[in-house]
Protein backbone atom coordinates (compact mmCIF):
# COMPACT_ATOMS: atom_id res chain seq x y z
CA MET A 1 -4.48 -121.96 -70.65
CA VAL A 2 -5.41 -118.35 -70.49
CA ALA A 3 -7.06 -118.31 -67.38
CA THR A 4 -4.08 -119.96 -65.52
CA SER A 5 -1.37 -118.13 -67.14
CA LEU A 6 -3.38 -115.06 -66.02
CA ALA A 7 -3.70 -116.41 -62.65
CA ARG A 8 0.70 -116.36 -62.36
CA GLU A 9 0.22 -112.95 -63.24
CA ASP A 10 2.87 -113.80 -66.84
CA LYS A 11 1.03 -111.49 -69.78
CA LYS A 12 3.68 -112.44 -72.19
CA GLU A 13 2.76 -115.73 -72.19
CA VAL A 14 -0.77 -115.06 -72.44
CA GLN A 15 -0.39 -113.03 -75.48
CA HIS A 16 1.82 -116.26 -76.84
CA GLN A 17 -1.02 -118.56 -75.96
CA ILE A 18 -3.61 -116.13 -77.70
CA SER A 19 -1.14 -116.08 -80.73
CA VAL A 20 -0.96 -119.91 -80.70
CA LEU A 21 -4.50 -120.56 -80.49
CA LEU A 22 -6.10 -118.04 -82.59
CA PHE A 23 -3.75 -119.74 -85.44
CA VAL A 24 -4.59 -122.83 -84.65
CA GLY A 25 -8.47 -121.51 -85.07
CA LEU A 26 -7.22 -120.20 -88.05
CA ALA A 27 -6.15 -123.21 -89.56
CA GLY A 28 -9.15 -124.60 -88.80
CA GLY A 29 -10.96 -122.94 -90.03
CA LEU A 30 -9.55 -122.27 -93.96
CA LEU A 31 -9.45 -126.17 -93.85
CA MET A 32 -13.05 -126.36 -92.93
CA LEU A 33 -13.84 -123.48 -95.58
CA PHE A 34 -12.03 -126.41 -97.54
CA PHE A 35 -13.61 -128.88 -97.15
CA THR A 36 -17.08 -126.98 -97.00
CA LYS A 37 -15.82 -125.98 -100.80
CA PHE A 38 -14.95 -128.94 -102.51
CA PHE A 39 -17.00 -132.43 -100.47
CA GLY A 40 -20.22 -129.71 -99.57
CA SER A 41 -22.06 -131.67 -101.77
CA TRP A 42 -21.06 -134.74 -102.14
CA ALA A 43 -21.54 -134.44 -98.06
CA LEU A 44 -25.15 -133.86 -97.94
CA THR A 45 -25.94 -136.26 -100.66
CA ALA A 46 -24.71 -139.09 -98.98
CA PHE A 47 -26.25 -137.45 -95.40
CA THR A 48 -29.70 -137.02 -97.25
CA GLY A 49 -29.81 -140.57 -98.34
CA PRO A 50 -31.77 -141.16 -101.96
CA ASN A 51 -35.40 -140.33 -100.90
CA ASN A 52 -33.65 -136.74 -100.67
CA VAL A 53 -31.81 -135.94 -103.29
CA HIS A 54 -34.14 -133.77 -104.47
CA ILE A 55 -33.36 -131.00 -102.06
CA VAL A 56 -29.72 -131.53 -102.12
CA PRO A 57 -28.95 -128.23 -104.37
CA ALA A 58 -31.00 -126.09 -102.11
CA ALA A 59 -29.23 -127.25 -98.59
CA ASN A 60 -26.05 -126.63 -101.14
CA THR A 61 -26.29 -123.12 -101.69
CA TYR A 62 -27.30 -122.95 -98.12
CA VAL A 63 -23.83 -124.85 -96.68
CA GLN A 64 -21.82 -122.69 -99.10
CA ILE A 65 -22.31 -119.82 -97.59
CA ARG A 66 -22.28 -120.34 -94.41
CA GLY A 67 -18.87 -122.30 -95.51
CA LEU A 68 -17.60 -119.10 -96.25
CA ALA A 69 -17.61 -117.60 -92.24
CA TRP A 70 -16.12 -120.51 -91.05
CA PRO A 71 -12.12 -118.84 -90.43
CA ALA A 72 -14.56 -115.51 -88.56
CA VAL A 73 -15.71 -118.59 -86.33
CA ILE A 74 -13.70 -120.52 -85.34
CA VAL A 75 -11.11 -118.15 -84.57
CA GLY A 76 -14.17 -115.88 -82.63
CA TRP A 77 -14.49 -118.94 -80.72
CA VAL A 78 -11.18 -118.44 -79.76
CA ALA A 79 -11.14 -115.17 -78.53
CA GLN A 80 -14.43 -115.72 -77.03
CA SER A 81 -12.65 -118.35 -74.65
CA ALA A 82 -10.09 -116.39 -74.62
CA SER A 83 -12.54 -113.58 -73.12
CA LEU A 84 -13.82 -115.24 -70.53
CA GLY A 85 -10.70 -116.74 -69.23
CA MET A 86 -9.59 -113.59 -68.56
CA LYS A 87 -13.58 -113.15 -66.50
CA ASP A 88 -14.39 -111.02 -69.42
CA SER A 89 -18.30 -111.73 -69.93
CA TRP A 90 -19.56 -108.66 -70.85
CA GLY A 91 -17.34 -108.99 -74.71
CA PRO A 92 -19.15 -112.29 -75.56
CA LEU A 93 -21.88 -111.51 -74.98
CA LYS A 94 -21.97 -107.47 -76.16
CA ALA A 95 -20.85 -109.62 -79.55
CA LEU A 96 -24.03 -112.27 -79.47
CA GLY A 97 -26.17 -109.89 -78.77
CA ILE A 98 -25.64 -107.40 -81.93
CA ALA A 99 -25.26 -110.47 -83.78
CA SER A 100 -28.56 -111.64 -83.87
CA ALA A 101 -29.64 -108.67 -84.02
CA ILE A 102 -27.87 -108.60 -87.33
CA ASN A 103 -29.19 -112.41 -87.91
CA GLY A 104 -32.48 -111.86 -87.13
CA VAL A 105 -33.27 -108.35 -88.97
CA GLY A 106 -31.00 -109.71 -92.20
CA ASP A 107 -33.52 -112.98 -91.77
CA ILE A 108 -36.45 -111.10 -92.20
CA VAL A 109 -35.62 -108.80 -94.85
CA LEU A 110 -33.73 -111.01 -97.41
CA CYS A 111 -35.90 -113.66 -96.96
CA SER A 112 -39.28 -112.57 -95.77
CA PHE A 113 -39.42 -108.92 -97.86
CA LEU A 114 -36.64 -110.05 -100.94
CA GLY A 115 -37.01 -113.27 -101.15
CA TYR A 116 -34.09 -114.93 -101.23
CA GLY A 117 -34.67 -118.13 -99.18
CA ILE A 118 -32.52 -120.17 -97.86
CA ALA A 119 -29.95 -118.11 -99.65
CA GLY A 120 -31.30 -115.61 -97.90
CA ALA A 121 -31.04 -117.15 -94.67
CA ALA A 122 -27.39 -118.00 -95.06
CA TRP A 123 -26.23 -115.05 -96.23
CA ALA A 124 -27.78 -113.04 -92.81
CA THR A 125 -26.20 -116.08 -90.07
CA MET A 126 -23.30 -115.82 -92.63
CA VAL A 127 -22.76 -112.40 -91.68
CA SER A 128 -23.75 -111.85 -88.46
CA GLN A 129 -20.94 -114.74 -87.81
CA VAL A 130 -18.26 -112.76 -89.43
CA VAL A 131 -19.44 -109.30 -87.45
CA ALA A 132 -19.53 -111.64 -84.22
CA GLY A 133 -15.89 -112.70 -85.01
CA TYR A 134 -14.72 -109.01 -85.63
CA MET A 135 -16.09 -108.57 -82.03
CA MET A 136 -14.86 -111.16 -80.39
CA ILE A 137 -10.86 -109.88 -81.63
CA ASP A 138 -11.80 -106.27 -81.20
CA SER A 139 -12.70 -106.89 -77.60
CA LEU A 140 -9.04 -109.21 -76.67
CA ASN A 141 -7.54 -105.48 -78.58
CA LYS A 142 -9.33 -103.06 -75.94
CA LYS A 143 -8.34 -105.32 -73.30
CA GLY A 144 -4.07 -104.92 -74.34
CA PHE A 145 -2.95 -107.94 -76.05
CA ASN A 146 -2.50 -108.02 -79.67
CA ALA A 147 -5.57 -110.83 -80.65
CA PHE A 148 -3.96 -110.13 -85.00
CA ALA A 149 -0.65 -111.38 -84.06
CA ILE A 150 -0.50 -114.98 -84.63
CA SER A 151 2.17 -117.65 -83.99
CA VAL A 152 2.86 -120.80 -85.31
CA PRO A 153 3.29 -123.72 -82.46
CA SER A 154 5.94 -125.95 -81.40
CA LEU A 155 5.70 -128.98 -80.95
CA ASP A 156 5.20 -128.04 -77.50
CA ASP A 157 2.43 -126.14 -78.14
CA LEU A 158 0.88 -128.39 -79.98
CA ARG A 159 1.37 -130.90 -77.22
CA THR A 160 -0.18 -128.97 -74.69
CA ILE A 161 -3.01 -127.76 -76.64
CA PHE A 162 -4.38 -131.62 -77.36
CA ALA A 163 -3.61 -132.69 -74.38
CA ILE A 164 -6.59 -130.10 -73.14
CA SER A 165 -9.02 -129.81 -75.92
CA ALA A 166 -8.99 -133.58 -76.70
CA PRO A 167 -11.11 -134.95 -73.76
CA VAL A 168 -13.34 -131.85 -75.22
CA PHE A 169 -13.14 -133.24 -78.55
CA ILE A 170 -14.12 -136.39 -78.62
CA THR A 171 -17.33 -135.02 -75.92
CA MET A 172 -18.64 -132.13 -78.63
CA MET A 173 -17.68 -135.05 -81.10
CA ALA A 174 -19.66 -137.22 -80.05
CA LYS A 175 -23.04 -134.90 -79.24
CA VAL A 176 -22.17 -133.45 -82.84
CA ALA A 177 -22.18 -137.39 -84.12
CA PHE A 178 -24.90 -138.15 -82.44
CA TYR A 179 -27.48 -134.82 -83.59
CA ALA A 180 -26.30 -135.68 -86.64
CA LEU A 181 -27.02 -139.47 -86.88
CA ILE A 182 -30.46 -138.43 -85.87
CA ILE A 183 -31.31 -136.02 -88.34
CA TYR A 184 -29.47 -138.75 -91.04
CA PHE A 185 -31.95 -141.07 -90.19
CA ALA A 186 -34.60 -138.75 -90.10
CA THR A 187 -34.11 -137.30 -93.49
CA ASN A 188 -33.94 -141.55 -94.55
CA MET A 189 -37.62 -141.75 -94.07
CA GLY A 190 -38.58 -138.47 -96.42
CA THR A 191 -38.92 -135.03 -96.26
CA TYR A 192 -42.48 -135.27 -94.23
CA THR A 193 -40.95 -137.29 -92.23
CA VAL A 194 -15.57 -124.92 -58.66
CA ALA A 195 -15.13 -128.15 -57.58
CA ALA A 196 -13.84 -128.91 -54.30
CA HIS A 197 -14.90 -126.07 -51.65
CA GLN A 198 -18.47 -127.09 -50.77
CA ALA A 199 -18.76 -128.76 -54.10
CA ARG A 200 -21.33 -130.58 -53.06
CA MET A 201 -23.73 -127.71 -52.56
CA LEU A 202 -22.69 -126.58 -55.74
CA LEU A 203 -23.54 -129.17 -57.26
CA LYS A 204 -26.89 -129.66 -55.95
CA SER A 205 -28.06 -126.04 -57.03
CA LEU A 206 -27.02 -126.76 -59.95
CA ILE A 207 -28.63 -129.43 -60.47
CA ILE A 208 -31.37 -127.36 -58.97
CA ILE A 209 -30.73 -124.79 -61.68
CA GLY A 210 -30.10 -126.34 -64.40
CA ALA A 211 -34.12 -128.69 -63.61
CA ILE A 212 -35.53 -125.69 -63.62
CA LEU A 213 -34.24 -123.99 -66.50
CA GLY A 214 -34.74 -127.48 -68.28
CA LEU A 215 -38.37 -127.87 -67.36
CA ILE A 216 -38.82 -123.79 -68.49
CA LEU A 217 -37.07 -124.62 -71.72
CA GLY A 218 -38.84 -127.90 -72.38
CA ILE A 219 -42.68 -126.06 -71.27
CA VAL A 220 -41.86 -123.33 -74.05
CA GLY A 221 -40.50 -125.08 -76.63
CA THR A 222 -43.06 -127.46 -76.56
CA ALA A 223 -45.58 -125.64 -76.05
CA VAL A 224 -44.58 -122.80 -79.37
CA PRO A 225 -44.82 -125.95 -82.33
CA TRP A 226 -47.92 -126.95 -80.20
CA LEU A 227 -50.02 -124.00 -80.35
CA PHE A 228 -48.08 -121.83 -83.08
CA PRO A 229 -46.97 -124.57 -85.78
CA ASN A 230 -47.59 -122.08 -88.65
CA ILE A 231 -44.58 -120.17 -87.31
CA PHE A 232 -42.57 -123.37 -89.10
CA THR A 233 -44.29 -124.37 -91.63
CA PRO A 234 -47.93 -124.08 -92.90
CA ASP A 235 -47.59 -127.83 -94.32
CA GLN A 236 -50.39 -130.17 -92.47
CA LYS A 237 -48.07 -133.00 -93.21
CA VAL A 238 -45.05 -131.49 -91.59
CA ILE A 239 -47.28 -130.55 -88.39
CA ASP A 240 -48.40 -133.31 -87.93
CA GLU A 241 -45.16 -134.89 -88.25
CA MET A 242 -44.01 -132.66 -85.30
CA HIS A 243 -47.04 -133.29 -83.29
CA LYS A 244 -45.51 -136.97 -83.06
CA VAL A 245 -41.99 -135.97 -81.86
CA LEU A 246 -43.39 -133.50 -78.77
CA ALA A 247 -43.34 -135.41 -76.01
CA PRO A 248 -39.68 -136.91 -76.81
CA TYR A 249 -38.81 -133.46 -77.43
CA PHE A 250 -39.95 -131.95 -73.77
CA ILE A 251 -38.33 -134.80 -71.59
CA SER A 252 -35.13 -134.53 -73.96
CA LEU A 253 -34.93 -131.10 -73.88
CA ALA A 254 -35.91 -130.85 -70.36
CA VAL A 255 -32.78 -132.61 -68.44
CA THR A 256 -30.05 -131.00 -70.88
CA PRO A 257 -29.28 -128.05 -68.13
CA ALA A 258 -28.69 -130.52 -65.94
CA ALA A 259 -26.95 -132.50 -67.46
CA LEU A 260 -24.55 -130.01 -69.25
CA ALA A 261 -24.30 -128.57 -65.59
CA LEU A 262 -22.91 -131.75 -64.81
CA GLU A 263 -20.96 -132.59 -67.73
CA GLY A 264 -19.57 -128.93 -66.91
CA THR A 265 -18.50 -129.70 -63.41
CA LEU A 266 -16.68 -132.90 -64.26
CA LEU A 267 -14.35 -130.60 -67.33
CA CYS A 268 -13.60 -128.13 -64.67
CA ARG A 269 -11.43 -130.59 -63.14
CA LEU A 270 -8.98 -129.54 -65.97
CA CYS A 271 -8.44 -126.47 -64.25
CA SER A 272 -7.50 -127.76 -60.83
CA LEU A 273 -3.32 -127.38 -60.44
CA SER A 274 -3.02 -128.84 -57.83
CA ARG A 275 -4.67 -132.42 -58.08
CA PRO A 276 -3.85 -133.22 -62.12
CA LEU A 277 -3.97 -137.48 -61.75
CA GLN A 278 -7.33 -136.64 -60.60
CA ALA A 279 -8.10 -134.42 -63.29
CA GLY A 280 -6.52 -136.71 -65.75
CA HIS A 281 -9.04 -139.69 -64.29
CA ASP A 282 -12.39 -137.11 -64.75
CA LEU A 283 -11.58 -136.25 -68.58
CA LYS A 284 -11.08 -139.56 -69.09
CA PHE A 285 -14.43 -140.62 -67.68
CA VAL A 286 -16.08 -137.91 -69.88
CA SER A 287 -14.30 -139.03 -73.01
CA LEU A 288 -15.17 -142.93 -72.38
CA MET A 289 -18.55 -142.23 -71.57
CA MET A 290 -19.53 -139.55 -74.93
CA SER A 291 -18.02 -142.63 -76.87
CA GLY A 292 -19.87 -145.25 -75.78
CA CYS A 293 -22.85 -143.30 -75.34
CA PHE A 294 -22.58 -142.37 -79.19
CA THR A 295 -21.93 -145.75 -80.29
CA LEU A 296 -25.05 -147.35 -78.27
CA GLY A 297 -27.06 -144.86 -79.29
CA ALA A 298 -26.23 -145.25 -83.34
CA ILE A 299 -26.54 -149.25 -82.77
CA VAL A 300 -30.44 -148.36 -80.91
CA LEU A 301 -31.30 -145.82 -83.45
CA LEU A 302 -30.23 -148.50 -86.43
CA LEU A 303 -32.92 -151.34 -84.66
CA VAL A 304 -35.11 -148.04 -84.39
CA SER A 305 -34.65 -147.37 -88.31
CA SER A 306 -35.15 -150.54 -89.94
CA GLY A 307 -37.87 -151.65 -87.33
CA GLY A 308 -39.82 -149.23 -88.77
CA PHE A 309 -40.76 -147.15 -85.03
CA GLY A 310 -40.18 -143.65 -87.86
CA LEU A 311 -39.36 -140.21 -86.74
CA PRO A 312 -40.41 -140.87 -82.98
CA GLY A 313 -38.37 -144.03 -82.87
CA CYS A 314 -35.39 -141.32 -83.51
CA TRP A 315 -36.66 -138.52 -80.60
CA TYR A 316 -36.83 -141.42 -78.17
CA ALA A 317 -33.38 -142.54 -79.02
CA LEU A 318 -31.91 -138.99 -77.45
CA VAL A 319 -33.68 -139.42 -74.54
CA GLY A 320 -32.26 -141.77 -74.12
CA PHE A 321 -28.61 -140.29 -75.23
CA GLN A 322 -29.69 -137.40 -73.10
CA TRP A 323 -31.18 -138.61 -69.75
CA ALA A 324 -27.78 -141.62 -70.00
CA ARG A 325 -25.43 -138.20 -70.15
CA PHE A 326 -27.30 -137.14 -66.75
CA PHE A 327 -27.04 -140.31 -64.75
CA LEU A 328 -23.10 -141.41 -65.95
CA CYS A 329 -21.81 -137.65 -65.23
CA LEU A 330 -24.39 -137.80 -61.74
CA GLN A 331 -22.56 -141.16 -61.09
CA ARG A 332 -18.93 -139.94 -61.35
CA LEU A 333 -19.00 -137.20 -59.51
CA LEU A 334 -21.31 -139.14 -56.31
CA SER A 335 -18.92 -142.08 -56.63
CA PRO A 336 -16.69 -142.34 -53.59
CA THR A 337 -14.08 -141.87 -55.27
CA GLY A 338 -15.42 -139.03 -57.11
CA MET A 339 -14.14 -135.64 -57.23
CA LEU A 340 -16.69 -134.89 -54.47
CA TYR A 341 -15.43 -136.85 -51.80
CA SER A 342 -12.20 -137.25 -52.06
CA GLU A 343 -10.13 -136.92 -48.67
CA GLU A 344 -8.75 -134.06 -50.52
CA SER A 345 -11.37 -131.61 -50.34
CA ASN A 346 -11.02 -130.05 -47.70
CA ASP A 347 -7.68 -128.82 -48.77
CA TYR A 348 -8.98 -125.72 -51.44
CA LYS A 349 -9.48 -122.68 -49.92
CA PRO A 350 -11.30 -119.94 -51.64
CA GLU A 351 -8.82 -117.12 -52.46
CA MET A 352 -9.29 -114.26 -55.08
CA LEU A 353 -7.32 -114.33 -58.08
CA LYS A 354 -5.63 -111.83 -59.74
CA VAL A 355 -6.70 -110.45 -62.51
CA ALA A 356 -3.75 -109.08 -65.16
């Protein structure tokens, strides 16, 4: 929305959209804060299951502290998205770097030196998220927009937001829900337990880059718990369980960057002003795909859990989930009716975008 308004050189519309989106973000953050405060303990108890009731108090302490940052987190996400829509990646990157440093130093001081344990880790993360949110807001202010001015959205605003965010929301929620299901079944086993011009070449580059990054992440991500497991825990039983899932961990991690690149290629159709119908079809496909992957993945997890395959079974279910996303997105992009083979694909001409 912000990028489109900037392309039209309508700064007033950009300010209006930022104000409306910040209001929606703040409202969502307060809603999440309310839910965490009053229903956090109940959700944790239901999530962990009867075999892990003893970890609920510590987990609830962590969740309640982290929940204090929800308004800052979601407002920060809105501000970050607005900055990226203005082609400003330096502001969010700087905020992320400083927040990461605060989080790391806070973890070391509060956990290692002061002995606050999981509560110290929660406080360090919460403070870093609040700082990151403020820096995102400040980045918008420095660009000449008033990020502290929020506006209540009209019905037309809400309809526009819903039309854009609903497919992305379904995609994100399906992934989060599936990961949550994996954690749920694992914890119940016990504590130990652009899109048209040269798009084909661009897609090829994205897949190659994704594959390279995936292999690097997979190798590093697998080597660390394999060679240095004591970084995470001194408990040999936990280390043994970690080693059991290294193979599916590597396979699922290796394909993740490529899958995200393909999903991003489909979702970028949302920015198409000349072909909204095709964009709608691609977004609908992504929504249906993620819903289907989540449903089938949940069924597989149920079968794996009841069949006694243990923690490795859950991780192999994640392997199926990740690779299914990759192949379905690739098939959609390469299909004769997909965006890469459209008869209008040559109608796009590269041009410079003006950013206010």
